[in-house]
């Protein structure tokens, strides 16, 4: 019987990544954070689009905007009427007189599109009524009267009020499908845009 040969020891060096080779394989990383954020962002955007579509289909935003416009026109008419006697400048009184006439016509003519849309502003939301009652404007004008700066302040404030009202009317004109409201907005905007420029010019010249 031949004697057994002793086992031969290897002299090859241990590779540096030996421990990595024998370790259990790492799990592949899942979805990258960037891709995850993109998916979440897309889902959020889809929800927003759906909500806006539902609101638009219900017509709620348009109704509120039309109510807001009607309430604002009423407030501006009252302010212009109450302020006429307090204006010192004949030029400003003339501009304001034209504004009063335009607002009287506007408040008369908006009745038709309101009726067509079945909107009764006497039943408007209380918060909307408060927001459009002109209390802040009236306080500003009263302070100006007491400080003997009424003409200058009135011209500035009415220029701003008409500018924001014109923006609201332009938005309504771009979104409404009502032919009666479109006709009203087109006619009224023509007058109010011109008057806003006149108040702005007076304000700039007398500031």
C-alpha atoms as a PDB file:
ATOM      1  CA  UNK A   1       0.000   0.000   0.000  1.00  0.00           C
ATOM      2  CA  UNK A   2       1.358   3.340  -1.029  1.00  0.00           C
ATOM      3  CA  UNK A   3       1.537   5.978   1.677  1.00  0.00           C
ATOM      4  CA  UNK A   4      -0.887   8.862   1.254  1.00  0.00           C
ATOM      5  CA  UNK A   5       0.569  12.075  -0.004  1.00  0.00           C
ATOM      6  CA  UNK A   6       0.058  15.090   2.274  1.00  0.00           C
ATOM      7  CA  UNK A   7      -2.312  17.707   0.837  1.00  0.00           C
ATOM      8  CA  UNK A   8      -0.660  20.374  -1.139  1.00  0.00           C
ATOM      9  CA  UNK A   9      -1.108  23.920   0.168  1.00  0.00           C
ATOM     10  CA  UNK A  10      -1.819  26.480  -2.453  1.00  0.00           C
ATOM     11  CA  UNK A  11       0.548  29.332  -2.715  1.00  0.00           C
ATOM     12  CA  UNK A  12      -1.731  31.498  -4.859  1.00  0.00           C
ATOM     13  CA  UNK A  13      -2.554  34.850  -3.149  1.00  0.00           C
ATOM     14  CA  UNK A  14      -6.091  35.435  -1.871  1.00  0.00           C
ATOM     15  CA  UNK A  15      -7.854  37.919  -4.165  1.00  0.00           C
ATOM     16  CA  UNK A  16      -8.716  41.260  -2.622  1.00  0.00           C
ATOM     17  CA  UNK A  17     -12.427  40.836  -3.384  1.00  0.00           C
ATOM     18  CA  UNK A  18     -12.590  37.360  -1.922  1.00  0.00           C
ATOM     19  CA  UNK A  19     -15.005  38.324   0.822  1.00  0.00           C
ATOM     20  CA  UNK A  20     -17.234  40.055  -1.717  1.00  0.00           C
ATOM     21  CA  UNK A  21     -17.263  36.921  -3.872  1.00  0.00           C
ATOM     22  CA  UNK A  22     -18.374  34.630  -1.065  1.00  0.00           C
ATOM     23  CA  UNK A  23     -20.878  37.068   0.385  1.00  0.00           C
ATOM     24  CA  UNK A  24     -24.532  36.663  -0.553  1.00  0.00           C
ATOM     25  CA  UNK A  25     -25.347  38.619  -3.727  1.00  0.00           C
ATOM     26  CA  UNK A  26     -26.737  42.089  -3.093  1.00  0.00           C
ATOM     27  CA  UNK A  27     -30.229  42.869  -4.176  1.00  0.00           C
ATOM     28  CA  UNK A  28     -30.470  45.054  -7.189  1.00  0.00           C
ATOM     29  CA  UNK A  29     -31.641  48.523  -6.318  1.00  0.00           C
ATOM     30  CA  UNK A  30     -35.277  49.118  -6.969  1.00  0.00           C
ATOM     31  CA  UNK A  31     -36.908  52.073  -8.708  1.00  0.00           C
ATOM     32  CA  UNK A  32     -34.683  55.137  -8.684  1.00  0.00           C
ATOM     33  CA  UNK A  33     -35.827  58.074  -6.574  1.00  0.00           C
ATOM     34  CA  UNK A  34     -35.912  60.269  -9.672  1.00  0.00           C
ATOM     35  CA  UNK A  35     -38.278  57.925 -11.491  1.00  0.00           C
ATOM     36  CA  UNK A  36     -40.398  57.617  -8.345  1.00  0.00           C
ATOM     37  CA  UNK A  37     -40.762  61.396  -8.111  1.00  0.00           C
ATOM     38  CA  UNK A  38     -41.703  61.600 -11.781  1.00  0.00           C
ATOM     39  CA  UNK A  39     -44.473  59.018 -11.283  1.00  0.00           C
ATOM     40  CA  UNK A  40     -45.769  60.762  -8.140  1.00  0.00           C
ATOM     41  CA  UNK A  41     -45.693  64.127  -9.905  1.00  0.00           C
ATOM     42  CA  UNK A  42     -47.649  62.718 -12.829  1.00  0.00           C
ATOM     43  CA  UNK A  43     -50.266  61.256 -10.493  1.00  0.00           C
ATOM     44  CA  UNK A  44     -50.693  64.573  -8.667  1.00  0.00           C
ATOM     45  CA  UNK A  45     -51.017  66.430 -11.974  1.00  0.00           C
ATOM     46  CA  UNK A  46     -53.659  63.969 -13.133  1.00  0.00           C
ATOM     47  CA  UNK A  47     -55.682  64.530  -9.955  1.00  0.00           C
ATOM     48  CA  UNK A  48     -55.490  68.315 -10.398  1.00  0.00           C
ATOM     49  CA  UNK A  49     -56.636  68.057 -14.022  1.00  0.00           C
ATOM     50  CA  UNK A  50     -59.552  65.838 -13.012  1.00  0.00           C
ATOM     51  CA  UNK A  51     -60.634  68.224 -10.252  1.00  0.00           C
ATOM     52  CA  UNK A  52     -60.475  71.228 -12.577  1.00  0.00           C
ATOM     53  CA  UNK A  53     -62.425  69.338 -15.212  1.00  0.00           C
ATOM     54  CA  UNK A  54     -65.162  68.481 -12.720  1.00  0.00           C
ATOM     55  CA  UNK A  55     -65.387  72.050 -11.443  1.00  0.00           C
ATOM     56  CA  UNK A  56     -65.512  73.384 -14.987  1.00  0.00           C
ATOM     57  CA  UNK A  57     -68.245  70.948 -15.967  1.00  0.00           C
ATOM     58  CA  UNK A  58     -70.330  72.015 -12.985  1.00  0.00           C
ATOM     59  CA  UNK A  59     -69.948  75.639 -13.980  1.00  0.00           C
ATOM     60  CA  UNK A  60     -69.344  76.769 -10.389  1.00  0.00           C
ATOM     61  CA  UNK A  61     -66.350  78.987 -11.107  1.00  0.00           C
ATOM     62  CA  UNK A  62     -68.112  80.806 -13.942  1.00  0.00           C
ATOM     63  CA  UNK A  63     -71.209  81.434 -11.813  1.00  0.00           C
ATOM     64  CA  UNK A  64     -69.164  82.869  -8.984  1.00  0.00           C
ATOM     65  CA  UNK A  65     -67.226  85.104 -11.380  1.00  0.00           C
ATOM     66  CA  UNK A  66     -70.421  86.438 -12.938  1.00  0.00           C
ATOM     67  CA  UNK A  67     -71.893  87.075  -9.496  1.00  0.00           C
ATOM     68  CA  UNK A  68     -68.677  88.793  -8.435  1.00  0.00           C
ATOM     69  CA  UNK A  69     -68.790  91.044 -11.490  1.00  0.00           C
ATOM     70  CA  UNK A  70     -72.435  91.965 -10.908  1.00  0.00           C
ATOM     71  CA  UNK A  71     -71.802  92.808  -7.252  1.00  0.00           C
ATOM     72  CA  UNK A  72     -68.712  94.846  -8.099  1.00  0.00           C
ATOM     73  CA  UNK A  73     -70.503  96.864 -10.765  1.00  0.00           C
ATOM     74  CA  UNK A  74     -73.206  97.752  -8.254  1.00  0.00           C
ATOM     75  CA  UNK A  75     -70.615  98.846  -5.698  1.00  0.00           C
ATOM     76  CA  UNK A  76     -68.665 100.938  -8.196  1.00  0.00           C
ATOM     77  CA  UNK A  77     -71.841 102.662  -9.346  1.00  0.00           C
ATOM     78  CA  UNK A  78     -72.730 103.627  -5.780  1.00  0.00           C
ATOM     79  CA  UNK A  79     -69.189 104.841  -5.046  1.00  0.00           C
ATOM     80  CA  UNK A  80     -69.068 106.922  -8.218  1.00  0.00           C
ATOM     81  CA  UNK A  81     -72.442 108.493  -7.433  1.00  0.00           C
ATOM     82  CA  UNK A  82     -71.555 109.253  -3.806  1.00  0.00           C
ATOM     83  CA  UNK A  83     -68.166 110.700  -4.773  1.00  0.00           C
ATOM     84  CA  UNK A  84     -69.288 113.080  -7.508  1.00  0.00           C
ATOM     85  CA  UNK A  85     -70.156 115.937  -5.174  1.00  0.00           C
ATOM     86  CA  UNK A  86     -66.828 115.671  -3.368  1.00  0.00           C
ATOM     87  CA  UNK A  87     -64.645 116.112  -6.469  1.00  0.00           C
ATOM     88  CA  UNK A  88     -63.022 119.522  -6.903  1.00  0.00           C
ATOM     89  CA  UNK A  89     -61.517 119.115 -10.380  1.00  0.00           C
ATOM     90  CA  UNK A  90     -63.925 119.815 -13.229  1.00  0.00           C
ATOM     91  CA  UNK A  91     -61.944 117.419 -15.448  1.00  0.00           C
ATOM     92  CA  UNK A  92     -62.237 114.634 -12.895  1.00  0.00           C
ATOM     93  CA  UNK A  93     -65.943 115.348 -12.376  1.00  0.00           C
ATOM     94  CA  UNK A  94     -66.439 114.967 -16.125  1.00  0.00           C
ATOM     95  CA  UNK A  95     -64.637 111.603 -16.194  1.00  0.00           C
ATOM     96  CA  UNK A  96     -66.590 110.416 -13.181  1.00  0.00           C
ATOM     97  CA  UNK A  97     -69.874 111.552 -14.698  1.00  0.00           C
ATOM     98  CA  UNK A  98     -69.159 109.374 -17.724  1.00  0.00           C
ATOM     99  CA  UNK A  99     -68.269 106.506 -15.403  1.00  0.00           C
ATOM    100  CA  UNK A 100     -71.586 106.839 -13.572  1.00  0.00           C
ATOM    101  CA  UNK A 101     -73.482 106.703 -16.862  1.00  0.00           C
ATOM    102  CA  UNK A 102     -71.540 103.639 -18.039  1.00  0.00           C
ATOM    103  CA  UNK A 103     -72.109 101.816 -14.751  1.00  0.00           C
ATOM    104  CA  UNK A 104     -75.816 102.599 -14.758  1.00  0.00           C
ATOM    105  CA  UNK A 105     -76.026 101.064 -18.221  1.00  0.00           C
ATOM    106  CA  UNK A 106     -73.867  98.109 -17.194  1.00  0.00           C
ATOM    107  CA  UNK A 107     -75.998  97.293 -14.153  1.00  0.00           C
ATOM    108  CA  UNK A 108     -79.099  97.492 -16.319  1.00  0.00           C
ATOM    109  CA  UNK A 109     -77.703  95.394 -19.165  1.00  0.00           C
ATOM    110  CA  UNK A 110     -76.174  92.626 -17.028  1.00  0.00           C
ATOM    111  CA  UNK A 111     -79.673  91.633 -15.913  1.00  0.00           C
ATOM    112  CA  UNK A 112     -80.258  89.674 -19.138  1.00  0.00           C
ATOM    113  CA  UNK A 113     -77.184  87.390 -18.934  1.00  0.00           C
ATOM    114  CA  UNK A 114     -77.792  86.907 -15.205  1.00  0.00           C
ATOM    115  CA  UNK A 115     -81.339  85.765 -15.911  1.00  0.00           C
ATOM    116  CA  UNK A 116     -80.151  83.480 -18.710  1.00  0.00           C
ATOM    117  CA  UNK A 117     -77.694  81.845 -16.304  1.00  0.00           C
ATOM    118  CA  UNK A 118     -80.367  81.658 -13.574  1.00  0.00           C
ATOM    119  CA  UNK A 119     -78.232  83.753 -11.219  1.00  0.00           C
ATOM    120  CA  UNK A 120     -79.905  85.819  -8.516  1.00  0.00           C
ATOM    121  CA  UNK A 121     -77.312  88.088  -6.926  1.00  0.00           C
ATOM    122  CA  UNK A 122     -79.714  88.785  -4.076  1.00  0.00           C
ATOM    123  CA  UNK A 123     -78.973  85.197  -3.040  1.00  0.00           C
ATOM    124  CA  UNK A 124     -75.202  85.441  -3.571  1.00  0.00           C
ATOM    125  CA  UNK A 125     -72.846  83.889  -1.047  1.00  0.00           C
ATOM    126  CA  UNK A 126     -72.433  86.147   2.002  1.00  0.00           C
ATOM    127  CA  UNK A 127     -68.646  85.999   1.876  1.00  0.00           C
ATOM    128  CA  UNK A 128     -68.714  87.120  -1.760  1.00  0.00           C
ATOM    129  CA  UNK A 129     -71.079  89.960  -0.911  1.00  0.00           C
ATOM    130  CA  UNK A 130     -68.750  91.140   1.867  1.00  0.00           C
ATOM    131  CA  UNK A 131     -65.712  90.844  -0.406  1.00  0.00           C
ATOM    132  CA  UNK A 132     -67.351  93.051  -3.047  1.00  0.00           C
ATOM    133  CA  UNK A 133     -69.106  95.609  -0.848  1.00  0.00           C
ATOM    134  CA  UNK A 134     -66.284  98.142  -1.286  1.00  0.00           C
ATOM    135  CA  UNK A 135     -65.777  98.766   2.439  1.00  0.00           C
ATOM    136  CA  UNK A 136     -62.004  99.135   2.118  1.00  0.00           C
ATOM    137  CA  UNK A 137     -62.368 101.482  -0.861  1.00  0.00           C
ATOM    138  CA  UNK A 138     -64.909 103.607   0.990  1.00  0.00           C
ATOM    139  CA  UNK A 139     -62.637 103.859   4.035  1.00  0.00           C
ATOM    140  CA  UNK A 140     -59.707 104.914   1.857  1.00  0.00           C
ATOM    141  CA  UNK A 141     -61.794 107.609   0.180  1.00  0.00           C
ATOM    142  CA  UNK A 142     -63.139 108.890   3.483  1.00  0.00           C
ATOM    143  CA  UNK A 143     -59.601 109.202   4.855  1.00  0.00           C
ATOM    144  CA  UNK A 144     -58.599 111.076   1.697  1.00  0.00           C
ATOM    145  CA  UNK A 145     -61.528 113.454   2.107  1.00  0.00           C
ATOM    146  CA  UNK A 146     -60.463 114.237   5.677  1.00  0.00           C
ATOM    147  CA  UNK A 147     -56.875 114.787   4.539  1.00  0.00           C
ATOM    148  CA  UNK A 148     -57.847 117.017   1.615  1.00  0.00           C
ATOM    149  CA  UNK A 149     -56.434 114.586  -0.971  1.00  0.00           C
ATOM    150  CA  UNK A 150     -59.759 113.318  -2.284  1.00  0.00           C
ATOM    151  CA  UNK A 151     -59.353 114.037  -6.015  1.00  0.00           C
ATOM    152  CA  UNK A 152     -55.921 112.468  -6.292  1.00  0.00           C
ATOM    153  CA  UNK A 153     -56.870 109.439  -4.198  1.00  0.00           C
ATOM    154  CA  UNK A 154     -60.175 108.928  -5.999  1.00  0.00           C
ATOM    155  CA  UNK A 155     -58.543 108.963  -9.425  1.00  0.00           C
ATOM    156  CA  UNK A 156     -55.910 106.467  -8.312  1.00  0.00           C
ATOM    157  CA  UNK A 157     -58.373 104.124  -6.608  1.00  0.00           C
ATOM    158  CA  UNK A 158     -60.896 104.135  -9.449  1.00  0.00           C
ATOM    159  CA  UNK A 159     -58.132 103.485 -11.964  1.00  0.00           C
ATOM    160  CA  UNK A 160     -57.160 100.410  -9.935  1.00  0.00           C
ATOM    161  CA  UNK A 161     -60.755  99.246  -9.401  1.00  0.00           C
ATOM    162  CA  UNK A 162     -61.548  99.512 -13.106  1.00  0.00           C
ATOM    163  CA  UNK A 163     -58.316  97.754 -14.062  1.00  0.00           C
ATOM    164  CA  UNK A 164     -59.111  94.725 -11.873  1.00  0.00           C
ATOM    165  CA  UNK A 165     -62.723  94.720 -13.057  1.00  0.00           C
ATOM    166  CA  UNK A 166     -61.581  94.726 -16.677  1.00  0.00           C
ATOM    167  CA  UNK A 167     -59.319  91.747 -15.971  1.00  0.00           C
ATOM    168  CA  UNK A 168     -62.279  89.865 -14.494  1.00  0.00           C
ATOM    169  CA  UNK A 169     -64.427  90.712 -17.511  1.00  0.00           C
ATOM    170  CA  UNK A 170     -61.743  89.601 -19.954  1.00  0.00           C
ATOM    171  CA  UNK A 171     -61.458  86.250 -18.168  1.00  0.00           C
ATOM    172  CA  UNK A 172     -65.220  85.793 -18.304  1.00  0.00           C
ATOM    173  CA  UNK A 173     -65.278  86.700 -21.975  1.00  0.00           C
ATOM    174  CA  UNK A 174     -62.627  84.076 -22.711  1.00  0.00           C
ATOM    175  CA  UNK A 175     -64.438  81.276 -20.866  1.00  0.00           C
ATOM    176  CA  UNK A 176     -68.180  81.850 -21.122  1.00  0.00           C
ATOM    177  CA  UNK A 177     -70.334  80.159 -23.733  1.00  0.00           C
ATOM    178  CA  UNK A 178     -73.262  82.470 -23.085  1.00  0.00           C
ATOM    179  CA  UNK A 179     -73.948  84.684 -26.105  1.00  0.00           C
ATOM    180  CA  UNK A 180     -75.803  87.254 -23.996  1.00  0.00           C
ATOM    181  CA  UNK A 181     -72.929  87.512 -21.504  1.00  0.00           C
ATOM    182  CA  UNK A 182     -70.376  87.792 -24.308  1.00  0.00           C
ATOM    183  CA  UNK A 183     -72.349  90.633 -25.909  1.00  0.00           C
ATOM    184  CA  UNK A 184     -72.628  92.417 -22.566  1.00  0.00           C
ATOM    185  CA  UNK A 185     -68.933  92.050 -21.797  1.00  0.00           C
ATOM    186  CA  UNK A 186     -67.847  93.254 -25.230  1.00  0.00           C
ATOM    187  CA  UNK A 187     -69.936  96.417 -25.021  1.00  0.00           C
ATOM    188  CA  UNK A 188     -69.143  97.201 -21.376  1.00  0.00           C
ATOM    189  CA  UNK A 189     -65.423  96.543 -21.655  1.00  0.00           C
ATOM    190  CA  UNK A 190     -65.122  99.098 -24.439  1.00  0.00           C
ATOM    191  CA  UNK A 191     -66.399 101.837 -22.128  1.00  0.00           C
ATOM    192  CA  UNK A 192     -64.625 100.775 -18.941  1.00  0.00           C
ATOM    193  CA  UNK A 193     -61.221 100.304 -20.603  1.00  0.00           C
ATOM    194  CA  UNK A 194     -61.426 103.855 -21.958  1.00  0.00           C
ATOM    195  CA  UNK A 195     -62.489 105.245 -18.573  1.00  0.00           C
ATOM    196  CA  UNK A 196     -59.735 103.366 -16.759  1.00  0.00           C
ATOM    197  CA  UNK A 197     -57.167 105.008 -19.014  1.00  0.00           C
ATOM    198  CA  UNK A 198     -58.657 108.447 -18.323  1.00  0.00           C
ATOM    199  CA  UNK A 199     -58.505 107.959 -14.556  1.00  0.00           C
ATOM    200  CA  UNK A 200     -54.957 106.630 -14.864  1.00  0.00           C
ATOM    201  CA  UNK A 201     -53.848 109.591 -16.933  1.00  0.00           C
ATOM    202  CA  UNK A 202     -55.396 112.048 -14.484  1.00  0.00           C
ATOM    203  CA  UNK A 203     -53.761 110.231 -11.565  1.00  0.00           C
ATOM    204  CA  UNK A 204     -50.339 110.301 -13.245  1.00  0.00           C
ATOM    205  CA  UNK A 205     -50.623 113.988 -14.083  1.00  0.00           C
ATOM    206  CA  UNK A 206     -51.683 114.964 -10.572  1.00  0.00           C
ATOM    207  CA  UNK A 207     -49.676 112.622  -8.369  1.00  0.00           C
END
